């Protein structure tokens, strides 16, 4: 495990979620993933959003930081995406 960063995108009172296979079953979760070496949590959230959903966003503000008992940290950021963009299945779903 490593530190993770996620993007919360809200449009028309709907939250963008990805449908993925984890923990032996299909689940819905926020776009996000591991923070790479030399990357800030903010950069990771925006990179993962682009990789997984094909969207380019801008950080509005941090929403949550969760410090796990295993020593890892999870970050969640509110991200603004222009209305002209439509989410697609990215190359790293």
N, C-alpha and C. Protein backbone atom coordinates (compact mmCIF):
# COMPACT_ATOMS: atom_id res chain seq x y z
N UNK A 1 0.85 -1.19 0.00
CA UNK A 1 0.00 0.00 0.00
C UNK A 1 0.89 1.25 0.00
N UNK A 2 0.31 2.32 -0.49
CA UNK A 2 1.00 3.61 -0.48
C UNK A 2 -0.04 4.70 -0.30
N UNK A 3 0.42 5.92 -0.11
CA UNK A 3 -0.50 7.04 0.03
C UNK A 3 -1.33 7.17 -1.24
N UNK A 4 -2.61 7.55 -1.05
CA UNK A 4 -3.54 7.67 -2.17
C UNK A 4 -4.16 9.06 -2.20
N UNK A 5 -4.62 9.45 -3.38
CA UNK A 5 -5.27 10.74 -3.55
C UNK A 5 -6.47 10.55 -4.46
N UNK A 6 -7.59 11.21 -4.12
CA UNK A 6 -8.83 11.05 -4.88
C UNK A 6 -9.44 12.40 -5.23
N UNK A 7 -10.23 12.41 -6.31
CA UNK A 7 -10.89 13.62 -6.79
C UNK A 7 -12.40 13.47 -6.64
N UNK A 8 -13.02 14.45 -6.01
CA UNK A 8 -14.48 14.49 -5.91
C UNK A 8 -14.97 15.54 -6.91
N UNK A 9 -15.70 15.06 -7.94
CA UNK A 9 -16.25 15.93 -8.97
C UNK A 9 -17.77 15.88 -8.84
N UNK A 10 -18.39 17.05 -8.67
CA UNK A 10 -19.84 17.14 -8.54
C UNK A 10 -20.36 17.98 -9.70
N UNK A 11 -21.36 17.41 -10.40
CA UNK A 11 -21.99 18.14 -11.51
C UNK A 11 -23.48 17.86 -11.47
N UNK A 12 -24.29 18.89 -11.48
CA UNK A 12 -25.74 18.75 -11.46
C UNK A 12 -26.19 17.85 -10.31
N UNK A 13 -25.63 18.06 -9.14
CA UNK A 13 -25.96 17.31 -7.92
C UNK A 13 -25.61 15.83 -8.02
N UNK A 14 -24.72 15.46 -8.93
CA UNK A 14 -24.27 14.08 -9.08
C UNK A 14 -22.78 13.99 -8.84
N UNK A 15 -22.35 12.90 -8.20
CA UNK A 15 -20.94 12.67 -7.91
C UNK A 15 -20.38 11.69 -8.94
N UNK A 16 -19.24 12.04 -9.53
CA UNK A 16 -18.57 11.17 -10.48
C UNK A 16 -17.91 10.02 -9.73
N UNK A 17 -18.26 8.79 -10.11
CA UNK A 17 -17.68 7.59 -9.51
C UNK A 17 -17.18 6.69 -10.64
N UNK A 18 -16.18 5.87 -10.32
CA UNK A 18 -15.73 4.87 -11.29
C UNK A 18 -16.18 3.50 -10.81
N UNK A 19 -16.46 2.63 -11.75
CA UNK A 19 -16.89 1.26 -11.46
C UNK A 19 -15.68 0.37 -11.70
N UNK A 20 -15.19 -0.27 -10.65
CA UNK A 20 -13.95 -1.02 -10.77
C UNK A 20 -14.03 -2.33 -9.99
N UNK A 21 -13.10 -3.20 -10.24
CA UNK A 21 -13.04 -4.49 -9.56
C UNK A 21 -11.94 -4.44 -8.51
N UNK A 22 -12.32 -4.49 -7.26
CA UNK A 22 -11.36 -4.49 -6.15
C UNK A 22 -11.89 -5.38 -5.04
N UNK A 23 -10.98 -5.91 -4.28
CA UNK A 23 -11.35 -6.71 -3.11
C UNK A 23 -12.25 -7.89 -3.50
N UNK A 24 -12.06 -8.43 -4.73
CA UNK A 24 -12.82 -9.58 -5.16
C UNK A 24 -14.24 -9.30 -5.60
N UNK A 25 -14.57 -8.02 -5.83
CA UNK A 25 -15.93 -7.69 -6.28
C UNK A 25 -15.91 -6.34 -6.99
N UNK A 26 -17.00 -6.05 -7.70
CA UNK A 26 -17.13 -4.76 -8.36
C UNK A 26 -17.65 -3.73 -7.36
N UNK A 27 -17.02 -2.56 -7.36
CA UNK A 27 -17.43 -1.49 -6.45
C UNK A 27 -17.40 -0.15 -7.20
N UNK A 28 -18.02 0.85 -6.61
CA UNK A 28 -17.95 2.22 -7.09
C UNK A 28 -17.07 3.00 -6.12
N UNK A 29 -16.20 3.83 -6.67
CA UNK A 29 -15.32 4.65 -5.83
C UNK A 29 -14.98 5.93 -6.56
N UNK A 30 -14.42 6.88 -5.83
CA UNK A 30 -13.97 8.13 -6.45
C UNK A 30 -12.77 7.85 -7.33
N UNK A 31 -12.61 8.61 -8.41
CA UNK A 31 -11.40 8.47 -9.22
C UNK A 31 -10.19 8.80 -8.34
N UNK A 32 -9.19 7.98 -8.41
CA UNK A 32 -8.00 8.24 -7.61
C UNK A 32 -7.07 7.06 -7.63
N UNK A 33 -5.95 7.21 -6.94
CA UNK A 33 -4.98 6.14 -6.89
C UNK A 33 -3.75 6.57 -6.13
N UNK A 34 -2.71 5.78 -6.28
CA UNK A 34 -1.47 6.01 -5.54
C UNK A 34 -0.74 7.27 -5.96
N UNK A 35 -0.11 7.88 -4.96
CA UNK A 35 0.71 9.07 -5.21
C UNK A 35 2.10 8.61 -5.60
N UNK A 36 2.58 9.06 -6.75
CA UNK A 36 3.88 8.66 -7.25
C UNK A 36 4.99 9.49 -6.61
N UNK A 37 6.21 8.96 -6.64
CA UNK A 37 7.38 9.64 -6.07
C UNK A 37 7.53 11.02 -6.70
N UNK A 38 7.72 12.04 -5.87
CA UNK A 38 7.91 13.41 -6.34
C UNK A 38 6.63 14.13 -6.69
N UNK A 39 5.49 13.51 -6.47
CA UNK A 39 4.19 14.07 -6.82
C UNK A 39 3.47 14.54 -5.56
N UNK A 40 2.80 15.68 -5.64
CA UNK A 40 1.99 16.14 -4.51
C UNK A 40 0.65 15.41 -4.54
N UNK A 41 -0.05 15.37 -3.41
CA UNK A 41 -1.38 14.77 -3.41
C UNK A 41 -2.32 15.44 -4.42
N UNK A 42 -2.22 16.75 -4.58
CA UNK A 42 -3.05 17.48 -5.53
C UNK A 42 -2.75 17.04 -6.96
N UNK A 43 -1.47 16.94 -7.30
CA UNK A 43 -1.08 16.51 -8.64
C UNK A 43 -1.57 15.09 -8.91
N UNK A 44 -1.48 14.23 -7.91
CA UNK A 44 -1.92 12.84 -8.07
C UNK A 44 -3.42 12.77 -8.33
N UNK A 45 -4.21 13.55 -7.60
CA UNK A 45 -5.66 13.55 -7.79
C UNK A 45 -6.01 13.97 -9.21
N UNK A 46 -5.37 15.01 -9.72
CA UNK A 46 -5.65 15.49 -11.08
C UNK A 46 -5.16 14.50 -12.14
N UNK A 47 -4.00 13.89 -11.92
CA UNK A 47 -3.49 12.89 -12.87
C UNK A 47 -4.41 11.68 -12.93
N UNK A 48 -4.82 11.19 -11.77
CA UNK A 48 -5.70 10.02 -11.73
C UNK A 48 -7.05 10.32 -12.39
N UNK A 49 -7.57 11.52 -12.17
CA UNK A 49 -8.83 11.92 -12.80
C UNK A 49 -8.70 11.87 -14.32
N UNK A 50 -7.58 12.35 -14.83
CA UNK A 50 -7.37 12.34 -16.27
C UNK A 50 -7.17 10.92 -16.79
N UNK A 51 -6.39 10.11 -16.08
CA UNK A 51 -6.14 8.74 -16.51
C UNK A 51 -7.42 7.89 -16.51
N UNK A 52 -8.21 8.02 -15.46
CA UNK A 52 -9.36 7.15 -15.28
C UNK A 52 -10.64 7.64 -15.96
N UNK A 53 -10.77 8.97 -16.13
CA UNK A 53 -12.01 9.52 -16.66
C UNK A 53 -11.83 10.43 -17.87
N UNK A 54 -10.59 10.70 -18.26
CA UNK A 54 -10.34 11.56 -19.40
C UNK A 54 -10.68 13.02 -19.16
N UNK A 55 -10.68 13.44 -17.90
CA UNK A 55 -11.07 14.80 -17.55
C UNK A 55 -9.89 15.60 -17.02
N UNK A 56 -9.84 16.87 -17.41
CA UNK A 56 -8.84 17.80 -16.89
C UNK A 56 -9.56 18.70 -15.89
N UNK A 57 -9.07 18.72 -14.67
CA UNK A 57 -9.73 19.50 -13.63
C UNK A 57 -8.81 20.47 -12.94
N UNK A 58 -9.39 21.20 -12.00
CA UNK A 58 -8.66 22.17 -11.19
C UNK A 58 -9.07 21.96 -9.74
N UNK A 59 -8.10 21.88 -8.85
CA UNK A 59 -8.38 21.70 -7.43
C UNK A 59 -9.11 22.93 -6.90
N UNK A 60 -10.25 22.72 -6.25
CA UNK A 60 -10.99 23.81 -5.60
C UNK A 60 -10.51 23.95 -4.17
N UNK A 61 -10.50 22.80 -3.45
CA UNK A 61 -10.02 22.81 -2.07
C UNK A 61 -9.89 21.39 -1.57
N UNK A 62 -9.08 21.19 -0.53
CA UNK A 62 -9.00 19.86 0.09
C UNK A 62 -10.28 19.61 0.89
N UNK A 63 -10.73 18.35 0.90
CA UNK A 63 -11.93 17.98 1.64
C UNK A 63 -11.64 17.11 2.85
N UNK A 64 -10.70 16.19 2.70
CA UNK A 64 -10.47 15.23 3.78
C UNK A 64 -9.05 14.67 3.70
N UNK A 65 -8.48 14.40 4.86
CA UNK A 65 -7.23 13.67 4.97
C UNK A 65 -7.47 12.58 5.99
N UNK A 66 -7.23 11.33 5.58
CA UNK A 66 -7.44 10.19 6.46
C UNK A 66 -6.11 9.51 6.70
N UNK A 67 -5.71 9.45 7.96
CA UNK A 67 -4.46 8.78 8.34
C UNK A 67 -4.82 7.36 8.77
N UNK A 68 -4.40 6.39 7.98
CA UNK A 68 -4.71 4.99 8.26
C UNK A 68 -3.77 4.42 9.32
N UNK A 69 -4.23 3.37 9.98
CA UNK A 69 -3.43 2.74 11.03
C UNK A 69 -2.16 2.10 10.46
N UNK A 70 -2.15 1.76 9.17
CA UNK A 70 -0.97 1.15 8.55
C UNK A 70 0.09 2.18 8.18
N UNK A 71 -0.16 3.46 8.48
CA UNK A 71 0.80 4.52 8.20
C UNK A 71 0.57 5.25 6.90
N UNK A 72 -0.34 4.77 6.09
CA UNK A 72 -0.65 5.44 4.82
C UNK A 72 -1.67 6.55 5.03
N UNK A 73 -1.69 7.47 4.10
CA UNK A 73 -2.60 8.61 4.16
C UNK A 73 -3.41 8.67 2.88
N UNK A 74 -4.71 8.99 3.01
CA UNK A 74 -5.59 9.18 1.86
C UNK A 74 -6.08 10.63 1.84
N UNK A 75 -6.00 11.25 0.68
CA UNK A 75 -6.41 12.63 0.49
C UNK A 75 -7.61 12.68 -0.45
N UNK A 76 -8.55 13.58 -0.19
CA UNK A 76 -9.68 13.80 -1.08
C UNK A 76 -9.76 15.30 -1.37
N UNK A 77 -9.87 15.64 -2.66
CA UNK A 77 -9.95 17.04 -3.07
C UNK A 77 -11.22 17.27 -3.88
N UNK A 78 -11.86 18.40 -3.64
CA UNK A 78 -12.96 18.85 -4.49
C UNK A 78 -12.32 19.40 -5.75
N UNK A 79 -12.76 18.89 -6.91
CA UNK A 79 -12.16 19.27 -8.19
C UNK A 79 -13.24 19.82 -9.10
N UNK A 80 -12.93 20.94 -9.75
CA UNK A 80 -13.83 21.56 -10.72
C UNK A 80 -13.43 21.10 -12.12
N UNK A 81 -14.43 20.67 -12.88
CA UNK A 81 -14.23 20.26 -14.28
C UNK A 81 -15.21 21.06 -15.12
N UNK A 82 -14.74 21.64 -16.22
CA UNK A 82 -15.61 22.46 -17.05
C UNK A 82 -16.77 21.63 -17.60
N UNK A 83 -17.89 22.28 -17.78
CA UNK A 83 -19.12 21.62 -18.25
C UNK A 83 -18.97 21.06 -19.66
N UNK A 84 -18.01 21.59 -20.44
CA UNK A 84 -17.82 21.12 -21.81
C UNK A 84 -17.23 19.71 -21.86
N UNK A 85 -16.60 19.29 -20.79
CA UNK A 85 -15.95 17.98 -20.77
C UNK A 85 -16.93 16.88 -20.36
N UNK A 86 -16.79 15.73 -20.99
CA UNK A 86 -17.59 14.55 -20.65
C UNK A 86 -16.65 13.44 -20.21
N UNK A 87 -17.00 12.77 -19.14
CA UNK A 87 -16.20 11.67 -18.65
C UNK A 87 -16.25 10.49 -19.61
N UNK A 88 -15.12 9.83 -19.79
CA UNK A 88 -15.00 8.63 -20.59
C UNK A 88 -14.22 7.59 -19.80
N UNK A 89 -14.29 6.36 -20.20
CA UNK A 89 -13.46 5.35 -19.55
C UNK A 89 -12.04 5.60 -19.98
N UNK A 90 -11.18 5.84 -19.00
CA UNK A 90 -9.80 6.17 -19.30
C UNK A 90 -8.94 4.94 -19.57
N UNK A 91 -7.63 5.17 -19.66
CA UNK A 91 -6.73 4.07 -19.95
C UNK A 91 -6.24 3.37 -18.69
N UNK A 92 -6.68 3.85 -17.51
CA UNK A 92 -6.26 3.23 -16.25
C UNK A 92 -7.47 3.09 -15.33
N UNK A 93 -8.52 2.41 -15.81
CA UNK A 93 -9.71 2.31 -14.94
C UNK A 93 -9.51 1.27 -13.85
